[in-house]
Structure formats: C-alpha cells, structure tokens
Amino acid sequence: MGTVNVQVRAGTEGDLAALTELCNHYVRETAITFDTEPFTPEQRLPWLRSHPEDGSHRLLVAHAAKPGGPATPGPPPTVATPGATTASATLLGYATSSAFRPKAAYATSVEVSVYVSPAAAGRGIGSLLYERLFELSRTAPSASRAPSRSRR
C-alpha cells in the first residue's frame, strides 16, 4: 500500500471521461444512483457544466497529486491508497453539490453526493471531499435566495 498526497480541485471537462467511468461503476454495480443504464461522456457533459468552478453548485475531484503540481490549499492531505504513486493521475473520487428541488422554497437547499473509486474506498477520500465542498459552500454566495413575501 503506497501513501500519496491528494489534490482536491474543481472538476473540469478534462476529467469528464474519468468522472463518467467512476459514475458508471456505481450504475452497474450498485443501486445507489437509481440509474439503470451507464452514461457516455457526452451524456454527462451537461451535468459537468452545471457545476461551474465559482458557482453555488460545485464539482470537486480528488486525484493523487503529481510531483510539482498544484496542491490543495493547506497542508497536503496524505492518504494510503493501494498501488497509487505520487505520479498517478488516477481519479480517486468526486463530490458535488446540486440543486435539491426546483421549487422556490428549496432555492437555498442543496443535495450533496460523493463517489469514491473502489481502490480508494476507506482511505478518507470521501471525508476529504466533503470537508472541502462544505468549506466552499460556506464561503460561496448563494445562487438565489428564497423569494421574500411582500405584503400589500
């Protein structure tokens, strides 16, 4: 079992194939997604684009940090991951925040999800992703506020 530094950053279109592959693992092997058919990267592109880097709904990815690459803010988290090396670009997991429901009363509520690579399960990747996602959600401006009710 190797020890790697983990980089957490905003997901990009360059991550789309790996994100789709990880999601499809859970579609094929579990019932947790409630999807019944795997996705193509093209089908997942609108989902990815609905999570802009600076929006109220985010997509964060965790990768094994490459030597000399950008680091996650703060001390680099160290996680024991089977077979991984610091040169690995393998997706370890991802977390998202998305609109909870389309109704106005839910405008300030979000749904959060985390998916971790089976090879990285039980190594703290999901907790790390949630921690960073929650940090961003506390500091990000809300996309919308529940409408105020005016009395006439």
C-alpha atoms as a PDB file:
ATOM      1  CA  MET A   1       0.000   0.000   0.000  1.00  0.00           C
ATOM      2  CA  GLY A   2       1.516   3.339  -1.034  1.00  0.00           C
ATOM      3  CA  THR A   3       0.999   6.744   0.537  1.00  0.00           C
ATOM      4  CA  VAL A   4       0.083   9.641  -1.733  1.00  0.00           C
ATOM      5  CA  ASN A   5      -0.653  13.318  -1.390  1.00  0.00           C
ATOM      6  CA  VAL A   6      -4.142  14.087  -2.593  1.00  0.00           C
ATOM      7  CA  GLN A   7      -5.038  17.098  -4.713  1.00  0.00           C
ATOM      8  CA  VAL A   8      -8.622  18.378  -4.483  1.00  0.00           C
ATOM      9  CA  ARG A   9      -9.656  20.859  -7.139  1.00  0.00           C
ATOM     10  CA  ALA A  10     -12.611  21.926  -9.239  1.00  0.00           C
ATOM     11  CA  GLY A  11     -13.613  19.373 -11.849  1.00  0.00           C
ATOM     12  CA  THR A  12     -13.070  20.284 -15.493  1.00  0.00           C
ATOM     13  CA  GLU A  13     -14.033  18.920 -18.880  1.00  0.00           C
ATOM     14  CA  GLY A  14     -10.642  17.194 -18.896  1.00  0.00           C
ATOM     15  CA  ASP A  15     -11.966  14.993 -16.064  1.00  0.00           C
ATOM     16  CA  LEU A  16     -15.137  14.011 -17.919  1.00  0.00           C
ATOM     17  CA  ALA A  17     -14.068  10.547 -19.097  1.00  0.00           C
ATOM     18  CA  ALA A  18     -12.798   9.521 -15.646  1.00  0.00           C
ATOM     19  CA  LEU A  19     -15.853  11.010 -13.895  1.00  0.00           C
ATOM     20  CA  THR A  20     -18.160   9.110 -16.253  1.00  0.00           C
ATOM     21  CA  GLU A  21     -16.226   5.877 -15.724  1.00  0.00           C
ATOM     22  CA  LEU A  22     -16.474   6.200 -11.939  1.00  0.00           C
ATOM     23  CA  CYS A  23     -20.166   7.061 -12.048  1.00  0.00           C
ATOM     24  CA  ASN A  24     -20.801   4.107 -14.351  1.00  0.00           C
ATOM     25  CA  HIS A  25     -19.125   1.778 -11.871  1.00  0.00           C
ATOM     26  CA  TYR A  26     -21.822   2.703  -9.356  1.00  0.00           C
ATOM     27  CA  VAL A  27     -24.583   2.478 -12.003  1.00  0.00           C
ATOM     28  CA  ARG A  28     -23.500  -1.054 -12.954  1.00  0.00           C
ATOM     29  CA  GLU A  29     -22.530  -2.420  -9.539  1.00  0.00           C
ATOM     30  CA  THR A  30     -25.000  -0.777  -7.120  1.00  0.00           C
ATOM     31  CA  ALA A  31     -28.492   0.663  -6.861  1.00  0.00           C
ATOM     32  CA  ILE A  32     -27.407   3.913  -5.174  1.00  0.00           C
ATOM     33  CA  THR A  33     -27.626   6.132  -8.270  1.00  0.00           C
ATOM     34  CA  PHE A  34     -31.131   4.976  -9.244  1.00  0.00           C
ATOM     35  CA  ASP A  35     -29.853   4.956 -12.842  1.00  0.00           C
ATOM     36  CA  THR A  36     -30.269   1.751 -14.797  1.00  0.00           C
ATOM     37  CA  GLU A  37     -28.036   2.357 -17.825  1.00  0.00           C
ATOM     38  CA  PRO A  38     -24.418   3.556 -17.951  1.00  0.00           C
ATOM     39  CA  PHE A  39     -23.711   7.014 -19.383  1.00  0.00           C
ATOM     40  CA  THR A  40     -21.478   8.204 -22.190  1.00  0.00           C
ATOM     41  CA  PRO A  41     -19.211  11.183 -21.569  1.00  0.00           C
ATOM     42  CA  GLU A  42     -21.377  13.183 -23.977  1.00  0.00           C
ATOM     43  CA  GLN A  43     -24.449  12.441 -21.863  1.00  0.00           C
ATOM     44  CA  ARG A  44     -22.615  13.598 -18.718  1.00  0.00           C
ATOM     45  CA  LEU A  45     -21.328  16.857 -20.224  1.00  0.00           C
ATOM     46  CA  PRO A  46     -24.414  18.969 -19.314  1.00  0.00           C
ATOM     47  CA  TRP A  47     -24.165  17.654 -15.736  1.00  0.00           C
ATOM     48  CA  LEU A  48     -20.495  18.649 -15.567  1.00  0.00           C
ATOM     49  CA  ARG A  49     -21.193  22.101 -16.988  1.00  0.00           C
ATOM     50  CA  SER A  50     -23.917  22.669 -14.376  1.00  0.00           C
ATOM     51  CA  HIS A  51     -21.149  22.772 -11.738  1.00  0.00           C
ATOM     52  CA  PRO A  52     -19.042  25.861 -12.570  1.00  0.00           C
ATOM     53  CA  GLU A  53     -15.840  26.442 -10.637  1.00  0.00           C
ATOM     54  CA  ASP A  54     -17.202  29.547  -8.917  1.00  0.00           C
ATOM     55  CA  GLY A  55     -20.927  28.811  -8.782  1.00  0.00           C
ATOM     56  CA  SER A  56     -23.140  27.829  -5.900  1.00  0.00           C
ATOM     57  CA  HIS A  57     -23.208  24.216  -7.129  1.00  0.00           C
ATOM     58  CA  ARG A  58     -19.741  22.700  -7.253  1.00  0.00           C
ATOM     59  CA  LEU A  59     -17.905  19.660  -8.533  1.00  0.00           C
ATOM     60  CA  LEU A  60     -14.668  18.752  -6.758  1.00  0.00           C
ATOM     61  CA  VAL A  61     -12.336  15.966  -7.812  1.00  0.00           C
ATOM     62  CA  ALA A  62      -9.627  14.197  -5.837  1.00  0.00           C
ATOM     63  CA  HIS A  63      -6.526  12.960  -7.647  1.00  0.00           C
ATOM     64  CA  ALA A  64      -3.208  11.672  -6.431  1.00  0.00           C
ATOM     65  CA  ALA A  65      -1.055  14.827  -6.534  1.00  0.00           C
ATOM     66  CA  LYS A  66       1.616  14.824  -9.215  1.00  0.00           C
ATOM     67  CA  PRO A  67       5.106  15.927  -8.159  1.00  0.00           C
ATOM     68  CA  GLY A  68       5.407  19.681  -8.692  1.00  0.00           C
ATOM     69  CA  GLY A  69       1.690  20.015  -9.479  1.00  0.00           C
ATOM     70  CA  PRO A  70      -0.669  22.446  -7.787  1.00  0.00           C
ATOM     71  CA  ALA A  71      -1.541  21.419  -4.262  1.00  0.00           C
ATOM     72  CA  THR A  72      -4.749  21.538  -2.312  1.00  0.00           C
ATOM     73  CA  PRO A  73      -4.749  24.644  -0.038  1.00  0.00           C
ATOM     74  CA  GLY A  74      -3.323  23.939   3.399  1.00  0.00           C
ATOM     75  CA  PRO A  75      -1.058  21.055   4.294  1.00  0.00           C
ATOM     76  CA  PRO A  76      -1.366  18.310   1.664  1.00  0.00           C
ATOM     77  CA  PRO A  77      -3.591  15.518   2.910  1.00  0.00           C
ATOM     78  CA  THR A  78      -1.817  12.177   2.930  1.00  0.00           C
ATOM     79  CA  VAL A  79      -3.906   9.121   2.213  1.00  0.00           C
ATOM     80  CA  ALA A  80      -2.900   5.477   1.994  1.00  0.00           C
ATOM     81  CA  THR A  81      -4.062   4.219  -1.389  1.00  0.00           C
ATOM     82  CA  PRO A  82      -3.396   0.730  -2.775  1.00  0.00           C
ATOM     83  CA  GLY A  83      -0.958   0.761  -5.651  1.00  0.00           C
ATOM     84  CA  ALA A  84      -1.022   4.528  -6.171  1.00  0.00           C
ATOM     85  CA  THR A  85       2.095   6.647  -6.573  1.00  0.00           C
ATOM     86  CA  THR A  86       2.558  10.394  -6.490  1.00  0.00           C
ATOM     87  CA  ALA A  87       2.870  10.341 -10.289  1.00  0.00           C
ATOM     88  CA  SER A  88      -0.606   8.846 -10.652  1.00  0.00           C
ATOM     89  CA  ALA A  89      -3.312  10.901 -12.338  1.00  0.00           C
ATOM     90  CA  THR A  90      -5.993   8.415 -11.359  1.00  0.00           C
ATOM     91  CA  LEU A  91      -9.279   9.885 -10.188  1.00  0.00           C
ATOM     92  CA  LEU A  92      -9.735   8.913  -6.540  1.00  0.00           C
ATOM     93  CA  GLY A  93     -13.228  10.363  -6.199  1.00  0.00           C
ATOM     94  CA  TYR A  94     -15.512  13.341  -6.654  1.00  0.00           C
ATOM     95  CA  ALA A  95     -18.119  15.308  -4.737  1.00  0.00           C
ATOM     96  CA  THR A  96     -20.897  17.558  -5.963  1.00  0.00           C
ATOM     97  CA  SER A  97     -23.444  19.979  -4.634  1.00  0.00           C
ATOM     98  CA  SER A  98     -26.560  20.383  -6.765  1.00  0.00           C
ATOM     99  CA  ALA A  99     -29.979  21.971  -6.560  1.00  0.00           C
ATOM    100  CA  PHE A 100     -32.137  19.982  -4.156  1.00  0.00           C
ATOM    101  CA  ARG A 101     -35.512  20.598  -5.814  1.00  0.00           C
ATOM    102  CA  PRO A 102     -36.666  23.058  -8.485  1.00  0.00           C
ATOM    103  CA  LYS A 103     -39.289  24.708  -6.239  1.00  0.00           C
ATOM    104  CA  ALA A 104     -38.571  28.242  -4.975  1.00  0.00           C
ATOM    105  CA  ALA A 105     -38.774  27.288  -1.298  1.00  0.00           C
ATOM    106  CA  TYR A 106     -35.769  24.982  -1.836  1.00  0.00           C
ATOM    107  CA  ALA A 107     -33.613  27.660  -3.507  1.00  0.00           C
ATOM    108  CA  THR A 108     -31.093  27.733  -0.661  1.00  0.00           C
ATOM    109  CA  SER A 109     -31.016  23.950  -0.153  1.00  0.00           C
ATOM    110  CA  VAL A 110     -28.527  21.674  -1.869  1.00  0.00           C
ATOM    111  CA  GLU A 111     -28.093  17.963  -2.416  1.00  0.00           C
ATOM    112  CA  VAL A 112     -24.566  16.643  -1.960  1.00  0.00           C
ATOM    113  CA  SER A 113     -23.081  13.440  -3.322  1.00  0.00           C
ATOM    114  CA  VAL A 114     -19.709  11.774  -3.124  1.00  0.00           C
ATOM    115  CA  TYR A 115     -18.332   8.934  -5.243  1.00  0.00           C
ATOM    116  CA  VAL A 116     -15.041   7.242  -4.373  1.00  0.00           C
ATOM    117  CA  SER A 117     -13.032   4.881  -6.538  1.00  0.00           C
ATOM    118  CA  PRO A 118     -13.311   1.333  -5.200  1.00  0.00           C
ATOM    119  CA  ALA A 119      -9.488   1.197  -4.996  1.00  0.00           C
ATOM    120  CA  ALA A 120      -9.512   4.283  -2.730  1.00  0.00           C
ATOM    121  CA  ALA A 121     -12.504   3.342  -0.559  1.00  0.00           C
ATOM    122  CA  GLY A 122     -11.986   3.518   3.190  1.00  0.00           C
ATOM    123  CA  ARG A 123      -8.968   5.818   2.866  1.00  0.00           C
ATOM    124  CA  GLY A 124     -10.579   9.152   3.829  1.00  0.00           C
ATOM    125  CA  ILE A 125     -11.092  10.440   0.279  1.00  0.00           C
ATOM    126  CA  GLY A 126     -14.861  10.915   0.711  1.00  0.00           C
ATOM    127  CA  SER A 127     -14.400  12.743   4.016  1.00  0.00           C
ATOM    128  CA  LEU A 128     -11.755  14.991   2.467  1.00  0.00           C
ATOM    129  CA  LEU A 129     -14.016  15.815  -0.488  1.00  0.00           C
ATOM    130  CA  TYR A 130     -16.984  16.595   1.780  1.00  0.00           C
ATOM    131  CA  GLU A 131     -14.808  18.786   4.015  1.00  0.00           C
ATOM    132  CA  ARG A 132     -13.598  20.863   1.053  1.00  0.00           C
ATOM    133  CA  LEU A 133     -17.069  21.018  -0.510  1.00  0.00           C
ATOM    134  CA  PHE A 134     -18.611  22.250   2.752  1.00  0.00           C
ATOM    135  CA  GLU A 135     -15.839  24.853   3.153  1.00  0.00           C
ATOM    136  CA  LEU A 136     -16.658  26.220  -0.299  1.00  0.00           C
ATOM    137  CA  SER A 137     -20.400  26.189   0.326  1.00  0.00           C
ATOM    138  CA  ARG A 138     -19.977  28.287   3.485  1.00  0.00           C
ATOM    139  CA  THR A 139     -17.975  30.957   1.655  1.00  0.00           C
ATOM    140  CA  ALA A 140     -19.727  30.973  -1.730  1.00  0.00           C
ATOM    141  CA  PRO A 141     -22.525  33.419  -2.430  1.00  0.00           C
ATOM    142  CA  SER A 142     -25.874  31.710  -2.765  1.00  0.00           C
ATOM    143  CA  ALA A 143     -27.145  31.399  -6.321  1.00  0.00           C
ATOM    144  CA  SER A 144     -30.519  32.565  -5.197  1.00  0.00           C
ATOM    145  CA  ARG A 145     -32.393  33.313  -2.056  1.00  0.00           C
ATOM    146  CA  ALA A 146     -35.850  32.193  -1.192  1.00  0.00           C
ATOM    147  CA  PRO A 147     -38.184  34.853  -2.522  1.00  0.00           C
ATOM    148  CA  SER A 148     -39.310  37.379   0.030  1.00  0.00           C
ATOM    149  CA  ARG A 149     -43.024  37.759   0.554  1.00  0.00           C
ATOM    150  CA  SER A 150     -44.246  41.285   0.294  1.00  0.00           C
ATOM    151  CA  ARG A 151     -47.432  42.339   1.973  1.00  0.00           C
ATOM    152  CA  ARG A 152     -49.648  44.716   0.100  1.00  0.00           C
END
